[in-house]
N, C-alpha and C. Protein backbone atom coordinates (compact mmCIF):
# COMPACT_ATOMS: atom_id res chain seq x y z
N MET A 1 14.44 22.27 -0.96
CA MET A 1 13.35 22.90 -1.66
C MET A 1 13.43 24.40 -1.42
N THR A 2 13.36 25.16 -2.49
CA THR A 2 13.41 26.61 -2.39
C THR A 2 12.00 27.16 -2.36
N ILE A 3 11.77 28.05 -1.42
CA ILE A 3 10.47 28.70 -1.31
C ILE A 3 10.49 29.91 -2.23
N THR A 4 9.56 29.92 -3.18
CA THR A 4 9.49 31.02 -4.13
C THR A 4 8.29 31.91 -3.80
N ASP A 5 8.22 33.04 -4.50
CA ASP A 5 7.08 33.93 -4.32
C ASP A 5 5.78 33.24 -4.76
N GLU A 6 5.88 32.40 -5.79
CA GLU A 6 4.70 31.67 -6.26
C GLU A 6 4.19 30.71 -5.19
N THR A 7 5.13 30.08 -4.48
CA THR A 7 4.74 29.16 -3.41
C THR A 7 4.02 29.91 -2.29
N ILE A 8 4.57 31.05 -1.92
CA ILE A 8 3.95 31.86 -0.87
C ILE A 8 2.57 32.33 -1.32
N ASP A 9 2.45 32.77 -2.56
CA ASP A 9 1.15 33.21 -3.08
C ASP A 9 0.15 32.06 -3.07
N TYR A 10 0.60 30.87 -3.45
CA TYR A 10 -0.27 29.70 -3.49
C TYR A 10 -0.76 29.35 -2.08
N VAL A 11 0.17 29.31 -1.12
CA VAL A 11 -0.20 28.97 0.25
C VAL A 11 -1.12 30.04 0.84
N ALA A 12 -0.84 31.30 0.54
CA ALA A 12 -1.70 32.38 1.03
C ALA A 12 -3.09 32.27 0.43
N LYS A 13 -3.17 31.89 -0.82
CA LYS A 13 -4.48 31.72 -1.47
C LYS A 13 -5.25 30.57 -0.83
N LEU A 14 -4.56 29.46 -0.55
CA LEU A 14 -5.20 28.32 0.10
C LEU A 14 -5.72 28.71 1.49
N ALA A 15 -4.94 29.54 2.20
CA ALA A 15 -5.33 29.95 3.55
C ALA A 15 -6.25 31.16 3.53
N LYS A 16 -6.57 31.65 2.32
CA LYS A 16 -7.43 32.83 2.14
C LYS A 16 -6.87 34.03 2.91
N LEU A 17 -5.57 34.26 2.71
CA LEU A 17 -4.88 35.38 3.34
C LEU A 17 -4.42 36.37 2.28
N GLU A 18 -4.44 37.62 2.65
CA GLU A 18 -3.85 38.66 1.80
C GLU A 18 -2.60 39.15 2.51
N LEU A 19 -1.45 38.89 1.92
CA LEU A 19 -0.18 39.24 2.55
C LEU A 19 0.45 40.42 1.83
N SER A 20 1.02 41.31 2.62
CA SER A 20 1.77 42.42 2.03
C SER A 20 3.14 41.89 1.61
N GLY A 21 3.91 42.71 0.92
CA GLY A 21 5.24 42.30 0.47
C GLY A 21 6.14 41.92 1.64
N GLU A 22 6.06 42.70 2.72
CA GLU A 22 6.87 42.43 3.91
C GLU A 22 6.45 41.11 4.57
N GLU A 23 5.15 40.86 4.62
CA GLU A 23 4.65 39.62 5.21
C GLU A 23 5.03 38.42 4.35
N LYS A 24 5.07 38.59 3.04
CA LYS A 24 5.48 37.50 2.15
C LYS A 24 6.93 37.13 2.39
N GLU A 25 7.78 38.14 2.55
CA GLU A 25 9.20 37.87 2.80
C GLU A 25 9.38 37.17 4.15
N SER A 26 8.63 37.61 5.15
CA SER A 26 8.71 36.98 6.47
C SER A 26 8.23 35.53 6.39
N ALA A 27 7.14 35.30 5.66
CA ALA A 27 6.62 33.94 5.51
C ALA A 27 7.62 33.06 4.76
N LYS A 28 8.28 33.64 3.77
CA LYS A 28 9.28 32.89 3.00
C LYS A 28 10.43 32.45 3.90
N LYS A 29 10.89 33.34 4.78
CA LYS A 29 11.97 32.99 5.72
C LYS A 29 11.50 31.91 6.69
N ASP A 30 10.26 32.07 7.21
CA ASP A 30 9.75 31.10 8.18
C ASP A 30 9.61 29.72 7.55
N LEU A 31 9.03 29.64 6.36
CA LEU A 31 8.87 28.35 5.71
C LEU A 31 10.21 27.71 5.37
N SER A 32 11.17 28.53 4.96
CA SER A 32 12.51 28.01 4.67
C SER A 32 13.15 27.43 5.92
N SER A 33 13.00 28.12 7.05
CA SER A 33 13.61 27.61 8.29
C SER A 33 12.91 26.33 8.74
N ILE A 34 11.60 26.24 8.52
CA ILE A 34 10.88 25.01 8.87
C ILE A 34 11.37 23.85 8.01
N LEU A 35 11.50 24.07 6.71
CA LEU A 35 11.98 23.00 5.82
C LEU A 35 13.42 22.61 6.13
N ASN A 36 14.25 23.57 6.49
CA ASN A 36 15.63 23.25 6.87
C ASN A 36 15.66 22.40 8.13
N TYR A 37 14.79 22.72 9.08
CA TYR A 37 14.72 21.94 10.31
C TYR A 37 14.27 20.51 10.01
N ILE A 38 13.30 20.36 9.12
CA ILE A 38 12.83 19.02 8.74
C ILE A 38 13.95 18.25 8.05
N ASP A 39 14.73 18.92 7.20
CA ASP A 39 15.88 18.26 6.57
C ASP A 39 16.87 17.77 7.61
N THR A 40 17.09 18.58 8.65
CA THR A 40 17.99 18.19 9.74
C THR A 40 17.46 16.95 10.45
N MET A 41 16.16 16.93 10.69
CA MET A 41 15.56 15.77 11.36
C MET A 41 15.63 14.53 10.48
N ASN A 42 15.53 14.68 9.17
CA ASN A 42 15.61 13.54 8.26
C ASN A 42 16.99 12.91 8.24
N GLU A 43 18.01 13.63 8.69
CA GLU A 43 19.37 13.09 8.73
C GLU A 43 19.57 12.14 9.90
N LEU A 44 18.68 12.18 10.88
CA LEU A 44 18.82 11.33 12.06
C LEU A 44 18.52 9.88 11.72
N ASP A 45 19.25 8.97 12.36
CA ASP A 45 19.04 7.54 12.16
C ASP A 45 17.94 7.08 13.10
N THR A 46 16.80 6.74 12.55
CA THR A 46 15.66 6.28 13.36
C THR A 46 15.33 4.82 13.07
N SER A 47 16.28 4.10 12.51
CA SER A 47 16.02 2.71 12.11
C SER A 47 15.72 1.80 13.31
N GLU A 48 16.27 2.11 14.48
CA GLU A 48 16.05 1.27 15.64
C GLU A 48 14.97 1.81 16.57
N MET A 49 14.30 2.86 16.15
CA MET A 49 13.22 3.43 16.96
C MET A 49 11.91 2.77 16.60
N GLU A 50 11.14 2.43 17.62
CA GLU A 50 9.84 1.82 17.40
C GLU A 50 8.82 2.92 17.07
N PRO A 51 8.06 2.75 16.00
CA PRO A 51 7.05 3.76 15.67
C PRO A 51 6.02 3.88 16.78
N MET A 52 5.54 5.09 17.00
CA MET A 52 4.53 5.29 18.03
C MET A 52 3.46 6.26 17.52
N SER A 53 2.30 6.14 18.10
CA SER A 53 1.21 7.03 17.68
C SER A 53 1.12 8.25 18.56
N HIS A 54 1.75 8.21 19.73
CA HIS A 54 1.67 9.34 20.66
C HIS A 54 2.92 9.37 21.50
N VAL A 55 3.29 10.55 21.95
CA VAL A 55 4.51 10.71 22.73
C VAL A 55 4.38 10.05 24.10
N PHE A 56 3.22 10.19 24.70
CA PHE A 56 3.00 9.65 26.04
C PHE A 56 2.37 8.27 25.94
N PRO A 57 2.68 7.39 26.89
CA PRO A 57 2.04 6.07 26.87
C PRO A 57 0.57 6.21 27.27
N ILE A 58 -0.30 5.91 26.35
CA ILE A 58 -1.72 6.04 26.60
C ILE A 58 -2.34 4.66 26.68
N LYS A 59 -3.15 4.47 27.70
CA LYS A 59 -3.86 3.21 27.86
C LYS A 59 -5.34 3.49 27.71
N ASN A 60 -6.09 2.48 27.43
CA ASN A 60 -7.53 2.63 27.31
C ASN A 60 -8.09 3.04 28.67
N VAL A 61 -8.76 4.18 28.71
CA VAL A 61 -9.29 4.68 29.97
C VAL A 61 -10.76 4.33 30.15
N PHE A 62 -11.33 3.63 29.20
CA PHE A 62 -12.74 3.27 29.30
C PHE A 62 -12.91 2.03 30.17
N ARG A 63 -14.03 1.96 30.82
CA ARG A 63 -14.32 0.80 31.66
C ARG A 63 -14.77 -0.36 30.78
N GLU A 64 -14.74 -1.53 31.35
CA GLU A 64 -15.23 -2.70 30.65
C GLU A 64 -16.74 -2.56 30.44
N ASP A 65 -17.22 -3.04 29.34
CA ASP A 65 -18.65 -2.99 29.04
C ASP A 65 -19.31 -4.22 29.66
N VAL A 66 -19.82 -4.03 30.86
CA VAL A 66 -20.42 -5.13 31.60
C VAL A 66 -21.89 -4.80 31.82
N VAL A 67 -22.75 -5.76 31.56
CA VAL A 67 -24.19 -5.58 31.79
C VAL A 67 -24.43 -5.64 33.29
N VAL A 68 -25.04 -4.57 33.83
CA VAL A 68 -25.28 -4.54 35.27
C VAL A 68 -26.74 -4.79 35.62
N ASN A 69 -27.64 -4.56 34.68
CA ASN A 69 -29.04 -4.87 34.96
C ASN A 69 -29.59 -5.65 33.77
N GLU A 70 -30.37 -6.63 34.08
CA GLU A 70 -30.92 -7.48 33.04
C GLU A 70 -32.34 -7.04 32.72
N ALA A 71 -32.78 -7.35 31.52
CA ALA A 71 -34.13 -7.01 31.12
C ALA A 71 -35.11 -7.88 31.90
N ASP A 72 -35.85 -7.26 32.78
CA ASP A 72 -36.87 -7.96 33.57
C ASP A 72 -38.22 -7.52 33.02
N ARG A 73 -38.86 -8.39 32.25
CA ARG A 73 -40.10 -8.03 31.54
C ARG A 73 -41.18 -7.53 32.49
N ASP A 74 -41.36 -8.18 33.60
CA ASP A 74 -42.41 -7.76 34.54
C ASP A 74 -42.12 -6.37 35.10
N ASN A 75 -40.87 -6.12 35.42
CA ASN A 75 -40.49 -4.81 35.94
C ASN A 75 -40.65 -3.73 34.87
N LEU A 76 -40.27 -4.04 33.62
CA LEU A 76 -40.40 -3.07 32.54
C LEU A 76 -41.86 -2.74 32.25
N LEU A 77 -42.70 -3.73 32.30
CA LEU A 77 -44.11 -3.53 31.99
C LEU A 77 -44.91 -2.96 33.16
N SER A 78 -44.31 -2.86 34.32
CA SER A 78 -45.05 -2.38 35.49
C SER A 78 -45.53 -0.95 35.33
N ASN A 79 -44.86 -0.14 34.54
CA ASN A 79 -45.27 1.25 34.33
C ASN A 79 -46.07 1.46 33.05
N ALA A 80 -46.33 0.41 32.31
CA ALA A 80 -47.07 0.55 31.06
C ALA A 80 -48.53 0.86 31.35
N PRO A 81 -49.10 1.86 30.66
CA PRO A 81 -50.50 2.17 30.90
C PRO A 81 -51.43 1.05 30.41
N VAL A 82 -51.08 0.42 29.27
CA VAL A 82 -51.87 -0.69 28.74
C VAL A 82 -50.90 -1.79 28.29
N LYS A 83 -51.18 -3.00 28.71
CA LYS A 83 -50.32 -4.12 28.33
C LYS A 83 -51.18 -5.34 28.07
N LYS A 84 -50.65 -6.23 27.22
CA LYS A 84 -51.38 -7.46 26.89
C LYS A 84 -50.37 -8.52 26.50
N ASP A 85 -50.45 -9.66 27.09
CA ASP A 85 -49.58 -10.80 26.79
C ASP A 85 -48.10 -10.44 26.88
N GLY A 86 -47.71 -9.65 27.86
CA GLY A 86 -46.31 -9.28 28.07
C GLY A 86 -45.80 -8.26 27.07
N CYS A 87 -46.69 -7.51 26.41
CA CYS A 87 -46.27 -6.49 25.43
C CYS A 87 -46.96 -5.16 25.74
N PHE A 88 -46.36 -4.08 25.28
CA PHE A 88 -46.96 -2.77 25.37
C PHE A 88 -48.07 -2.67 24.33
N ILE A 89 -49.17 -2.06 24.68
CA ILE A 89 -50.23 -1.78 23.72
C ILE A 89 -50.21 -0.26 23.49
N VAL A 90 -50.04 0.11 22.21
CA VAL A 90 -49.95 1.53 21.86
C VAL A 90 -51.07 1.86 20.88
N PRO A 91 -51.43 3.15 20.79
CA PRO A 91 -52.48 3.52 19.85
C PRO A 91 -52.04 3.27 18.42
N LYS A 92 -53.00 2.97 17.57
CA LYS A 92 -52.74 2.75 16.16
C LYS A 92 -52.31 4.07 15.52
N THR A 93 -51.26 4.04 14.73
CA THR A 93 -50.76 5.27 14.10
C THR A 93 -51.01 5.31 12.61
N VAL A 94 -51.23 4.18 11.98
CA VAL A 94 -51.46 4.12 10.54
C VAL A 94 -52.81 3.46 10.30
N GLU A 95 -53.61 4.08 9.46
CA GLU A 95 -54.93 3.54 9.13
C GLU A 95 -54.83 2.59 7.97
């Protein structure tokens, strides 16, 4: 793929950049070298490589979700200012 001035202008517009003529030429060289490197990588035989999502082996670092305290109704209601029949009594909010 050849990098043209139109391509550089389009990418600069997407990135909301204003490039001078010298910066456009530099960007054209950089993008060309990046694409050439990608072409080189595409020549490699990766048919026997297992796909991976990350370079490093990552394991789940989260702990198991284990319930450590159970809902104890009497304990929960011990701090309630008003209670009736094992429930909280709250002021009426809707008339």
